[in-house]
Protein backbone atom coordinates (compact mmCIF):
# COMPACT_ATOMS: atom_id res chain seq x y z
CA MET A 1 196.60 149.74 66.49
CA ALA A 2 195.40 148.30 63.30
CA THR A 3 194.45 145.20 65.34
CA GLN A 4 192.74 147.29 67.50
CA ARG A 5 190.81 149.14 64.74
CA LYS A 6 189.79 145.53 63.19
CA LYS A 7 188.42 144.49 66.38
CA ALA A 8 186.64 147.57 66.95
CA GLY A 9 185.25 147.53 63.48
CA THR A 10 184.23 143.61 63.81
CA SER A 11 182.42 144.67 67.02
CA LYS A 12 180.54 147.51 65.18
CA LYS A 13 179.42 145.34 62.37
CA LYS A 14 177.94 142.74 64.98
CA THR A 15 175.90 145.46 66.62
CA VAL A 16 174.39 146.87 63.41
CA ARG A 17 171.21 144.82 62.57
CA ALA A 18 168.55 145.43 59.90
CA ARG A 19 165.19 146.95 61.29
CA PRO A 20 163.17 143.87 62.12
CA SER A 21 159.58 143.86 60.90
CA ALA A 22 156.49 144.36 63.32
CA LYS A 23 155.93 140.66 62.93
CA THR A 24 159.31 139.52 63.73
CA VAL A 25 159.16 141.90 67.01
CA ALA A 26 155.82 140.50 67.90
CA VAL A 27 157.48 136.88 67.78
CA ASP A 28 160.62 137.91 69.37
CA ALA A 29 158.57 139.52 72.33
CA VAL A 30 156.69 136.35 72.84
CA ALA A 31 159.91 134.19 72.89
CA ALA A 32 161.36 136.87 75.36
CA SER A 33 158.56 136.45 77.73
CA GLY A 34 158.68 132.78 77.38
CA PRO A 35 155.94 130.11 77.05
CA THR A 36 152.86 131.66 78.80
CA ARG A 37 150.10 130.16 77.57
CA SER A 38 147.91 133.21 78.30
CA ALA A 39 149.68 135.42 76.10
CA ILE A 40 148.68 133.28 72.99
CA PRO A 41 145.50 134.65 71.60
CA GLU A 42 142.91 132.02 71.51
CA ARG A 43 139.85 131.65 69.16
CA SER A 44 136.81 132.81 70.91
CA ALA A 45 133.89 130.08 71.57
CA PRO A 46 130.87 130.66 69.34
CA LEU A 47 128.01 132.67 71.19
CA ARG A 48 125.37 130.25 72.25
CA ALA A 49 122.70 133.05 72.58
CA ILE A 50 121.49 135.99 70.64
CA ARG A 51 123.01 138.87 72.62
CA VAL A 52 120.98 142.04 72.22
CA ARG A 53 122.32 145.50 73.57
CA GLY A 54 120.79 148.86 73.59
CA ALA A 55 117.54 148.12 71.82
CA LYS A 56 115.46 151.21 71.42
CA GLU A 57 113.07 150.47 68.98
CA HIS A 58 109.96 151.80 69.59
CA ASN A 59 108.91 151.90 73.16
CA LEU A 60 112.20 149.50 74.29
CA LYS A 61 114.23 151.66 76.81
CA SER A 62 117.86 150.43 76.03
CA LEU A 63 117.15 147.06 76.40
CA ASP A 64 119.90 144.40 77.07
CA VAL A 65 118.78 140.90 76.89
CA ASP A 66 120.51 137.42 76.00
CA ILE A 67 118.22 134.61 74.35
CA PRO A 68 119.77 131.09 74.30
CA HIS A 69 120.04 129.34 71.15
CA ASP A 70 118.03 126.06 70.63
CA ARG A 71 115.44 126.69 73.33
CA LEU A 72 111.84 127.65 73.01
CA VAL A 73 111.63 131.10 74.39
CA VAL A 74 108.36 132.82 75.02
CA ILE A 75 108.34 136.59 75.50
CA THR A 76 105.55 137.72 77.93
CA GLY A 77 104.52 141.30 79.35
CA LEU A 78 101.54 143.48 79.57
CA SER A 79 100.28 145.13 76.52
CA GLY A 80 102.47 147.72 74.97
CA SER A 81 105.61 146.45 76.94
CA GLY A 82 107.48 145.91 73.71
CA LYS A 83 107.09 142.34 73.24
CA SER A 84 106.62 142.69 69.41
CA SER A 85 109.00 145.57 69.04
CA LEU A 86 111.83 143.08 70.45
CA ALA A 87 110.81 139.99 68.59
CA PHE A 88 109.65 141.39 65.49
CA ASP A 89 110.90 145.09 64.99
CA THR A 90 114.33 144.32 66.23
CA ILE A 91 115.85 140.94 66.40
CA PHE A 92 113.75 139.65 63.03
CA ALA A 93 114.36 142.90 61.24
CA GLU A 94 117.89 142.98 62.00
CA GLY A 95 118.25 138.98 61.08
CA GLN A 96 116.26 139.82 57.76
CA ARG A 97 118.60 142.94 57.01
CA LYS A 98 121.89 141.01 57.29
CA TYR A 99 120.60 138.14 55.28
CA MET A 100 119.70 140.60 52.39
CA GLU A 101 123.28 142.26 52.69
CA SER A 102 124.73 138.64 52.03
CA LEU A 103 122.86 138.75 48.62
CA SER A 104 124.39 139.91 45.24
CA ALA A 105 124.01 143.30 44.19
CA TYR A 106 121.69 141.93 41.36
CA ALA A 107 119.45 139.92 43.46
CA ARG A 108 119.18 143.11 46.11
CA GLN A 109 117.65 145.07 43.42
CA PHE A 110 114.40 143.20 43.45
CA LEU A 111 113.87 143.74 47.17
CA ASP A 112 113.08 146.56 49.33
CA GLN A 113 115.55 147.98 51.51
CA LEU A 114 115.12 147.55 55.17
CA ARG A 115 115.90 149.96 57.91
CA LYS A 116 118.35 148.92 60.51
CA PRO A 117 116.46 148.77 63.77
CA ASP A 118 117.43 151.27 66.64
CA VAL A 119 120.05 149.06 68.38
CA GLU A 120 123.47 149.37 69.44
CA ASP A 121 124.63 145.66 68.70
CA ILE A 122 123.06 142.21 68.12
CA GLU A 123 125.64 139.19 67.98
CA GLY A 124 124.88 135.41 67.82
CA LEU A 125 122.04 136.15 65.42
CA PRO A 126 121.13 133.17 63.43
CA PRO A 127 118.76 133.65 60.01
CA THR A 128 115.32 134.70 61.08
CA ILE A 129 111.79 133.66 60.06
CA ALA A 130 108.59 135.26 61.27
CA ILE A 131 105.27 133.46 61.02
CA GLU A 132 102.30 135.71 60.81
CA GLN A 133 100.41 136.79 63.79
CA ARG A 134 96.42 135.67 63.72
CA THR A 135 94.01 136.33 66.28
CA ALA A 136 92.17 133.02 66.51
CA GLY A 137 88.67 133.88 67.43
CA SER A 138 87.47 131.10 70.12
CA SER A 139 84.54 129.22 68.57
CA PRO A 140 82.41 126.86 70.94
CA ARG A 141 82.44 124.23 68.06
CA SER A 142 86.05 123.79 68.07
CA THR A 143 87.75 120.97 70.11
CA VAL A 144 91.07 119.30 70.16
CA ALA A 145 90.11 116.49 68.43
CA THR A 146 88.33 119.06 65.49
CA SER A 147 91.62 121.07 65.37
CA THR A 148 93.93 118.27 65.04
CA GLU A 149 91.56 116.50 62.50
CA ILE A 150 91.49 113.40 64.97
CA TYR A 151 87.45 113.59 64.77
CA ASP A 152 87.58 113.89 60.99
CA TYR A 153 89.11 110.42 60.69
CA LEU A 154 86.68 109.24 63.68
CA ARG A 155 83.81 110.29 61.78
CA LEU A 156 85.01 108.36 58.70
CA LEU A 157 86.07 105.17 61.02
CA PHE A 158 82.32 105.26 62.45
CA ALA A 159 80.72 105.69 59.10
CA ARG A 160 82.49 102.84 57.46
CA CYS A 161 82.96 100.41 60.70
CA GLY A 162 80.26 101.06 63.14
CA ARG A 163 77.24 99.21 63.99
CA PRO A 164 74.12 101.12 64.49
CA THR A 165 71.61 100.09 66.95
CA CYS A 166 67.95 101.10 67.62
CA TRP A 167 67.38 104.08 69.69
CA HIS A 168 63.93 103.52 70.56
CA PRO A 169 63.19 104.27 74.16
CA THR A 170 61.87 101.32 76.01
CA LYS A 171 61.97 102.60 79.73
CA VAL A 172 61.07 106.02 80.46
CA THR A 173 60.80 107.54 84.08
CA ARG A 174 59.43 110.83 84.60
CA GLY A 175 60.27 111.92 81.38
CA VAL A 176 63.65 110.50 81.25
CA VAL A 177 64.55 107.64 79.09
CA LYS A 178 66.45 105.07 81.11
CA GLU A 179 66.80 102.42 78.39
CA ARG A 180 66.80 101.92 74.83
CA CYS A 181 65.74 99.23 72.59
CA GLY A 182 69.46 98.53 71.35
CA GLN A 183 68.79 95.86 68.58
CA THR A 184 71.33 95.84 65.89
CA ILE A 185 70.32 98.02 62.91
CA SER A 186 71.34 96.64 59.42
CA GLY A 187 70.18 96.81 55.99
CA THR A 188 69.60 93.58 53.76
CA SER A 189 69.09 93.38 50.16
CA PRO A 190 66.66 90.99 48.82
CA SER A 191 69.01 88.79 47.38
CA GLN A 192 70.75 88.55 50.72
CA ILE A 193 67.55 87.51 52.53
CA THR A 194 66.90 85.04 49.81
CA GLU A 195 70.46 83.31 50.15
CA ARG A 196 69.98 82.98 54.05
CA VAL A 197 66.28 81.62 53.55
CA ALA A 198 67.32 79.13 50.74
CA GLY A 199 70.17 78.14 52.92
CA MET A 200 67.64 76.56 55.66
CA ALA A 201 67.74 72.84 55.99
CA GLU A 202 65.66 71.25 53.36
CA GLY A 203 62.26 70.40 54.20
CA THR A 204 62.00 73.53 56.43
CA ARG A 205 58.43 74.83 56.42
CA LEU A 206 58.32 78.55 56.05
CA MET A 207 55.67 81.29 56.01
CA VAL A 208 56.80 84.83 54.38
CA LEU A 209 54.92 87.46 56.10
CA ALA A 210 54.52 91.17 55.65
CA PRO A 211 54.06 93.33 58.81
CA VAL A 212 51.08 96.13 57.98
CA VAL A 213 50.12 96.95 61.52
CA ARG A 214 52.65 97.03 64.23
CA ALA A 215 51.55 97.64 67.96
CA LYS A 216 48.72 100.17 66.96
CA LYS A 217 45.40 100.57 68.55
CA GLY A 218 42.12 99.96 66.76
CA PHE A 219 40.07 96.93 65.16
CA HIS A 220 41.91 97.37 61.70
CA ARG A 221 38.73 95.96 59.73
CA ASP A 222 39.56 98.29 56.87
CA VAL A 223 43.31 96.90 56.83
CA LEU A 224 42.26 93.12 56.48
CA GLU A 225 39.59 94.31 53.83
CA GLU A 226 42.43 95.88 51.73
CA LEU A 227 44.49 92.72 52.13
CA LEU A 228 41.70 90.35 50.75
CA ALA A 229 41.19 92.87 47.78
CA GLN A 230 44.73 92.41 47.08
CA GLY A 231 44.25 88.59 46.80
CA LEU A 232 45.63 87.65 50.30
CA VAL A 233 43.50 85.38 52.04
CA ARG A 234 45.41 84.63 55.28
CA ALA A 235 47.01 86.94 57.97
CA ARG A 236 48.74 86.61 61.49
CA VAL A 237 46.81 88.82 63.96
CA ASN A 238 48.47 89.01 67.10
CA GLY A 239 50.29 85.71 66.44
CA ALA A 240 47.23 83.88 65.30
CA ILE A 241 46.62 82.71 61.70
CA VAL A 242 43.38 83.62 60.41
CA ASP A 243 41.41 83.22 57.07
CA LEU A 244 40.26 86.69 55.94
CA ARG A 245 37.47 85.12 53.79
CA ASP A 246 35.76 83.82 57.24
CA VAL A 247 36.54 86.57 59.32
CA LEU A 248 35.42 89.42 56.96
CA LYS A 249 31.85 87.78 56.71
CA GLU A 250 30.93 88.92 60.06
CA ALA A 251 29.42 92.10 60.44
CA GLY A 252 30.46 95.19 62.29
CA ASP A 253 33.95 97.02 62.52
CA ASN A 254 35.30 94.41 64.81
CA PRO A 255 35.20 90.77 63.28
CA LEU A 256 37.90 89.66 65.43
CA ASN A 257 36.87 91.05 68.83
CA LEU A 258 40.05 92.88 69.19
CA GLY A 259 40.57 95.44 72.22
CA ARG A 260 39.86 98.95 70.94
CA TYR A 261 42.54 100.23 73.45
CA GLU A 262 44.98 97.56 73.18
CA LYS A 263 47.66 97.37 70.57
CA HIS A 264 47.63 94.95 67.57
CA SER A 265 50.07 93.60 65.03
CA VAL A 266 48.79 92.37 61.76
CA GLU A 267 51.02 90.59 58.99
CA ALA A 268 49.79 89.46 55.98
CA VAL A 269 50.65 85.88 54.90
CA ILE A 270 52.45 86.26 51.42
CA ASP A 271 53.14 82.30 50.94
CA ARG A 272 53.75 79.42 52.67
CA ILE A 273 56.82 77.35 51.39
CA VAL A 274 58.68 74.16 51.78
CA VAL A 275 62.59 74.60 51.58
CA LYS A 276 63.53 72.65 48.32
CA PRO A 277 66.38 73.18 45.70
CA ASP A 278 64.18 74.24 43.31
CA ALA A 279 62.21 76.89 45.70
CA ARG A 280 64.74 79.33 45.32
CA GLN A 281 62.79 81.66 42.76
CA ARG A 282 59.70 81.41 44.46
CA ILE A 283 61.39 82.34 47.82
CA ASN A 284 62.66 85.16 45.88
CA GLU A 285 59.51 86.38 44.53
CA SER A 286 57.41 85.98 47.64
CA ILE A 287 60.37 87.91 49.77
CA GLU A 288 60.13 91.09 47.25
CA THR A 289 56.32 90.91 47.64
CA ALA A 290 56.59 91.06 51.24
CA LEU A 291 59.01 93.62 51.10
CA LYS A 292 57.06 95.96 49.06
CA LEU A 293 53.97 95.33 51.02
CA GLY A 294 55.59 95.81 54.30
CA ASP A 295 57.28 98.94 53.67
CA GLY A 296 61.00 97.35 53.63
CA THR A 297 60.33 94.63 56.04
CA VAL A 298 59.73 91.11 55.82
CA VAL A 299 59.24 88.49 58.33
CA VAL A 300 60.41 84.72 57.79
CA SER A 301 58.59 82.15 60.11
CA ALA A 302 60.19 78.71 60.23
CA GLU A 303 58.59 75.79 61.76
CA SER A 304 60.93 73.89 64.29
CA GLU A 305 60.24 71.48 67.35
CA LYS A 306 60.93 72.82 70.83
CA GLU A 307 60.63 69.93 73.51
CA GLY A 308 58.64 68.02 70.97
CA THR A 309 56.06 70.62 70.41
CA PRO A 310 55.63 72.47 66.85
CA SER A 311 56.58 76.15 67.29
CA TRP A 312 57.43 78.82 64.97
CA ASP A 313 60.46 80.90 64.94
CA ASP A 314 60.45 84.55 63.11
CA SER A 315 63.23 86.20 61.67
CA VAL A 316 62.83 89.87 60.57
CA TYR A 317 64.88 91.30 57.61
CA SER A 318 64.81 95.01 56.50
CA GLU A 319 66.17 96.49 53.22
CA LYS A 320 66.74 99.61 55.17
CA TYR A 321 68.81 100.86 57.88
CA ALA A 322 65.86 100.28 60.20
CA CYS A 323 65.02 98.21 63.53
CA ALA A 324 62.94 95.25 62.70
CA VAL A 325 61.07 95.87 66.11
CA HIS A 326 60.62 99.48 65.46
CA PRO A 327 60.89 100.30 62.06
CA GLU A 328 60.25 103.93 62.61
CA CYS A 329 63.89 104.15 63.98
CA ALA A 330 65.40 104.03 60.47
CA LEU A 331 68.59 105.49 59.36
CA GLU A 332 69.81 106.31 55.97
CA GLU A 333 73.23 105.04 54.99
CA LEU A 334 75.74 105.78 57.61
CA GLU A 335 78.00 108.84 56.28
CA PRO A 336 80.40 110.92 58.01
CA ARG A 337 78.18 113.68 58.00
CA ILE A 338 76.00 112.20 60.46
CA PHE A 339 78.48 112.21 63.24
CA SER A 340 79.42 116.00 62.82
CA PHE A 341 77.73 118.52 65.57
CA ASN A 342 78.61 121.10 62.83
CA SER A 343 76.04 119.35 60.30
CA PRO A 344 72.35 119.44 60.63
CA PHE A 345 72.43 116.00 59.70
CA GLY A 346 74.31 115.07 63.20
CA ALA A 347 73.91 118.04 65.28
CA CYS A 348 71.35 117.80 68.17
CA PRO A 349 68.11 119.34 67.35
CA LYS A 350 67.91 120.87 70.58
CA CYS A 351 71.15 122.69 71.05
CA ASP A 352 72.32 122.70 67.29
CA GLY A 353 75.55 120.91 68.28
CA LEU A 354 76.61 123.25 70.85
CA GLY A 355 76.01 120.72 73.83
CA ASN A 356 74.69 123.64 75.82
CA LEU A 357 71.82 126.11 76.01
CA MET A 358 71.33 129.50 77.31
CA GLU A 359 68.45 129.43 79.66
CA PHE A 360 67.00 131.65 82.40
CA ASP A 361 68.35 130.80 85.78
CA GLU A 362 66.52 131.18 88.82
CA ALA A 363 69.50 132.35 90.96
CA LEU A 364 69.81 135.30 88.51
CA VAL A 365 66.31 135.96 88.36
CA MET A 366 66.02 135.93 91.93
CA PRO A 367 69.51 136.62 93.38
CA ASP A 368 68.50 138.01 96.88
CA GLU A 369 65.56 136.34 98.60
CA SER A 370 65.86 138.32 101.52
CA LEU A 371 64.27 141.04 99.89
CA SER A 372 60.57 141.37 99.51
CA MET A 373 58.83 141.84 96.14
CA SER A 374 58.16 145.30 96.88
CA GLN A 375 61.95 145.85 97.23
CA GLY A 376 62.84 144.33 93.93
CA ALA A 377 63.71 140.51 94.74
CA VAL A 378 62.41 139.50 91.47
CA ALA A 379 65.35 141.25 89.38
CA ALA A 380 64.07 140.56 86.05
CA TRP A 381 60.83 142.01 86.80
CA ALA A 382 62.54 145.10 88.41
CA LYS A 383 63.31 147.13 85.10
CA ASN A 384 62.79 150.61 85.48
CA GLY A 385 60.42 152.60 82.82
CA PRO A 386 56.74 151.88 81.73
CA VAL A 387 57.03 148.26 82.13
CA LYS A 388 57.85 148.67 85.90
CA ALA A 389 54.22 149.31 86.72
CA TRP A 390 53.16 146.35 84.78
CA PHE A 391 55.51 144.04 86.77
CA ASN A 392 54.10 145.46 90.14
CA ARG A 393 50.68 144.67 88.99
CA ARG A 394 51.45 141.12 88.04
CA LEU A 395 53.48 140.18 91.32
CA ARG A 396 50.44 141.88 93.25
CA LYS A 397 48.18 139.30 91.44
CA PHE A 398 50.40 136.52 92.38
CA CYS A 399 49.98 137.61 95.82
CA LYS A 400 46.33 137.86 95.78
CA LEU A 401 46.23 134.55 94.17
CA THR A 402 48.31 132.51 96.32
CA GLY A 403 48.32 134.28 99.75
CA ALA A 404 51.85 135.49 99.57
CA SER A 405 53.00 138.81 101.22
CA PHE A 406 54.32 141.63 98.80
CA SER A 407 56.44 143.09 101.44
CA ARG A 408 57.96 140.01 103.42
CA PRO A 409 61.21 138.39 102.14
CA VAL A 410 60.65 136.28 99.32
CA SER A 411 62.52 133.33 101.14
CA GLU A 412 59.09 132.80 103.24
CA LEU A 413 57.33 131.78 100.18
CA THR A 414 56.07 128.00 100.52
CA PRO A 415 57.68 125.71 97.60
CA ASP A 416 54.17 125.74 95.90
CA GLN A 417 54.32 129.61 95.79
CA ARG A 418 57.68 129.94 94.86
CA ARG A 419 57.27 127.36 91.93
CA ILE A 420 54.06 129.21 90.77
CA LEU A 421 56.05 132.68 91.01
CA LEU A 422 58.71 131.48 89.03
CA TYR A 423 57.07 129.06 86.29
CA GLY A 424 53.56 129.59 86.76
CA THR A 425 50.10 127.58 87.39
CA ASN A 426 49.39 124.30 85.99
CA LYS A 427 46.30 122.47 85.80
CA ASP A 428 46.22 121.26 89.41
CA ASP A 429 46.90 124.68 90.71
CA LEU A 430 44.09 126.09 88.78
CA LYS A 431 41.53 123.46 90.12
CA LYS A 432 43.08 124.35 93.60
CA LEU A 433 42.85 128.16 93.21
CA ALA A 434 39.79 128.61 91.27
CA GLY A 435 37.58 125.90 92.87
CA ASN A 436 33.97 126.39 91.61
CA ALA A 437 34.83 129.78 90.08
CA LYS A 438 33.00 130.36 86.61
CA SER A 439 36.03 131.63 84.91
CA PRO A 440 39.00 129.70 85.92
CA ALA A 441 41.17 131.19 83.27
CA SER A 442 41.25 134.39 85.52
CA PHE A 443 43.25 132.26 88.23
CA ARG A 444 46.05 131.73 85.83
CA PHE A 445 49.52 133.13 86.34
CA GLN A 446 52.07 132.96 83.68
CA GLY A 447 55.13 132.97 85.74
CA VAL A 448 58.54 135.09 85.90
CA ILE A 449 60.60 132.84 83.70
CA PRO A 450 57.97 131.99 80.95
CA ASN A 451 57.24 135.71 80.70
CA ILE A 452 60.76 136.95 80.04
CA THR A 453 61.43 133.67 77.87
CA GLU A 454 58.57 135.01 75.82
CA TRP A 455 59.77 138.33 75.77
CA TRP A 456 63.21 137.32 74.80
CA GLY A 457 62.11 135.42 71.78
CA SER A 458 59.76 138.48 70.50
CA THR A 459 61.74 141.73 71.37
CA GLU A 460 64.06 143.17 68.52
CA ASN A 461 65.24 145.68 70.84
CA GLN A 462 68.73 144.86 71.20
CA GLY A 463 69.14 146.78 74.66
CA VAL A 464 66.25 144.60 76.08
CA LYS A 465 68.12 141.51 74.71
CA GLU A 466 71.24 142.28 76.65
CA TRP A 467 69.42 143.32 79.80
CA LEU A 468 67.54 139.91 79.66
CA ALA A 469 70.87 137.93 78.77
CA GLY A 470 72.10 139.08 82.41
CA PHE A 471 69.52 136.61 83.84
CA MET A 472 70.55 133.49 81.63
CA SER A 473 73.14 130.99 82.35
CA GLN A 474 74.65 127.92 80.30
CA THR A 475 73.20 124.70 81.07
CA PRO A 476 73.52 121.15 79.45
CA CYS A 477 71.41 120.44 76.74
CA PRO A 478 68.52 118.22 78.03
CA GLU A 479 68.44 116.08 75.10
CA CYS A 480 72.09 115.12 74.11
CA HIS A 481 73.13 115.88 77.71
CA ALA A 482 76.31 117.70 76.27
CA ASP A 483 77.21 115.19 73.76
CA ARG A 484 76.35 117.48 70.95
CA LEU A 485 74.92 114.74 68.59
CA ARG A 486 71.37 113.25 67.41
CA VAL A 487 70.78 110.08 69.79
CA GLU A 488 70.80 108.12 66.28
CA SER A 489 74.36 109.16 65.60
CA LEU A 490 75.17 108.25 69.41
CA SER A 491 73.56 104.75 68.93
CA VAL A 492 76.53 103.75 66.50
CA TYR A 493 79.10 101.58 68.27
CA LEU A 494 82.49 100.20 67.72
CA ARG A 495 83.66 97.05 69.89
CA THR A 496 86.61 96.77 71.97
CA LYS A 497 88.62 93.98 73.50
CA GLY A 498 89.09 95.75 76.95
CA ASP A 499 86.39 97.77 79.13
CA ILE A 500 86.18 101.66 78.34
CA PRO A 501 86.44 103.76 81.51
CA GLU A 502 83.62 103.43 83.81
CA ARG A 503 83.13 107.24 83.98
CA ILE A 504 82.19 107.22 80.00
CA VAL A 505 79.67 104.17 80.47
CA GLU A 506 78.10 106.31 83.35
CA MET A 507 77.81 109.26 81.22
CA ARG A 508 76.32 107.51 78.31
CA GLY A 509 73.66 106.04 80.76
CA ARG A 510 72.34 109.76 80.78
CA ASN A 511 70.81 108.98 77.36
CA GLY A 512 69.67 105.66 78.34
CA LEU A 513 72.30 104.29 75.95
CA SER A 514 73.96 101.03 75.89
CA PRO A 515 75.53 100.23 79.24
CA ASP A 516 77.84 97.55 77.77
CA ALA A 517 81.54 98.67 78.75
CA LYS A 518 82.88 96.93 75.56
CA THR A 519 81.37 99.20 73.19
CA ILE A 520 82.00 102.62 72.39
CA ASN A 521 80.46 105.42 70.37
CA ILE A 522 82.06 108.54 69.02
CA SER A 523 81.11 111.05 71.53
CA ASP A 524 82.66 108.48 74.24
CA PHE A 525 85.96 108.66 72.06
CA ALA A 526 86.04 112.36 72.23
CA LYS A 527 85.68 112.27 76.25
CA LEU A 528 88.92 109.96 76.51
CA ASN A 529 92.22 111.53 77.44
CA ILE A 530 95.11 110.88 75.10
CA ASP A 531 96.55 107.80 76.85
CA GLU A 532 93.01 106.31 76.93
CA ALA A 533 92.33 107.17 73.23
CA LEU A 534 95.73 105.47 72.41
CA ARG A 535 94.79 102.35 74.10
CA VAL A 536 90.91 102.01 72.85
CA ILE A 537 92.27 102.82 69.38
CA ASP A 538 94.43 99.57 69.55
CA ASP A 539 91.83 97.65 71.22
CA LEU A 540 89.17 97.94 68.38
CA MET A 541 87.76 94.70 67.53
CA LEU A 542 87.06 94.66 63.47
CA SER A 543 86.42 91.91 61.15
CA GLU A 544 89.04 91.22 58.27
CA GLU A 545 87.03 93.48 55.89
CA GLN A 546 86.82 95.93 58.36
CA LEU A 547 90.39 96.12 59.21
CA ARG A 548 91.19 96.75 55.52
CA ILE A 549 89.10 99.90 55.52
CA ALA A 550 90.16 101.20 58.99
CA GLU A 551 93.85 100.48 58.74
CA PRO A 552 94.81 103.88 57.16
CA ILE A 553 92.01 105.76 59.38
CA VAL A 554 93.74 104.02 62.61
CA ARG A 555 97.00 104.78 61.41
CA GLU A 556 96.46 108.57 61.08
CA VAL A 557 94.48 108.61 64.16
CA ARG A 558 97.37 107.01 66.08
CA ALA A 559 99.84 109.22 64.86
CA ARG A 560 98.06 112.46 65.89
CA LEU A 561 97.58 111.04 69.35
CA GLY A 562 101.24 110.17 69.57
CA PHE A 563 102.01 113.59 68.49
CA LEU A 564 99.59 115.01 71.32
CA ALA A 565 101.13 112.53 73.81
CA SER A 566 104.77 113.77 73.23
């Protein structure tokens, strides 16, 4: 019995155990269930998106949305659809609020308390930054090149390394410039001219001349008398040397028998010199005198032999940025501002640098030519009110002058009738219409477009201005052909190793500018696409001195073009 009690007691002792802790129970439970992997809690992967649930800020209707991290996300929608409410008033506001909660109590006392946005939950929200919204007004003067500052660097590049050329028209057809002089314009100091002349072969015979008349009609006796009064006894007139003392002995206004209506050139002979080592001072004095008398231009004529015949070769120098052949084509020193269409120094004077003009459009002035004048075919002269009767009187006068019908469609007008209706009568029309009439002025007709153009310029009534604006359309400027710059600015070039695109050369031809495909002006550069611009900027042909100047400029242009390309 005792033995049985002992065993029983021993058995009881083994079954009595201490109460396990919750941690022990959990471990035992896992051990009892075996090594099942799904039962082991794993660390959840970080969210790769901003997860918004139940956003009700402003007009959002319990919106749920996931916005991925590390992506450029654009929120679009109609006005009032809640774009700003989601981006700024919900996501940004909650990000800022959580950031402020992470600051110390001391730091938070200096900051405004932010209201929690009306949203159930936002997860995966990183620190937020909001950039101020600005409504950028579109400006016709802004381009990609100006906005990226590429154009500013180009202006500097052309001002420092550009080669100006003469823009004087040499071929004009029906008022359109087809060709320009194109001779390089350069400014040379008197000392530089002296160096070049004194460096000629020893024994070379020279004449230093001052041009006083260049391709002007007349007899020019007064000019010759003034030269003689200044102590100058010789002049070169149309290429021939004359002695002023002998010539001016002749009576009359035309001692040289010059054609009154022909163009003549007169150059004063300042000195005749033989190049010698000790002649430098004399050469310099003669050149300075010629520059003063010739308004900054001097001609140095050197004797030479061609095929055994003595001849004289002229070299023209100017201390201004002016064409030696057309001195009226002169520039001040090249500056960046003359390449800016936003500056009066560079902008086309016709369009003020906009490249386009607002002009009255025939198609808008007479939009429906199936109508007659009595039915209001001339829309610009169909305004109701007191002026309507005046318009009708003008139209009836036109019909009486030209024989046109007031009640037939204007599409039946002859080309001359249509031209007179729109643009008015010219001299030939008056001769034809007036015949032998004593008062031809009564046959004059102003024309619709000249009339409303005059009206547009004189009226101060804003309502009339707005009404007339409806008959206008935008057209390319006829002077700069949408290049926006003065022709003298467009005549400054840089040379390139390769050809620029053919379309650019063709567009340049509208201004009569250089057809050389290995030259480029600043407007040409602005017309290139990014890849073409990168190629051209690397193809520029510059001297060593120009390279030192251009290197930092080209580097900045290339960097900005590369950014746009990427």
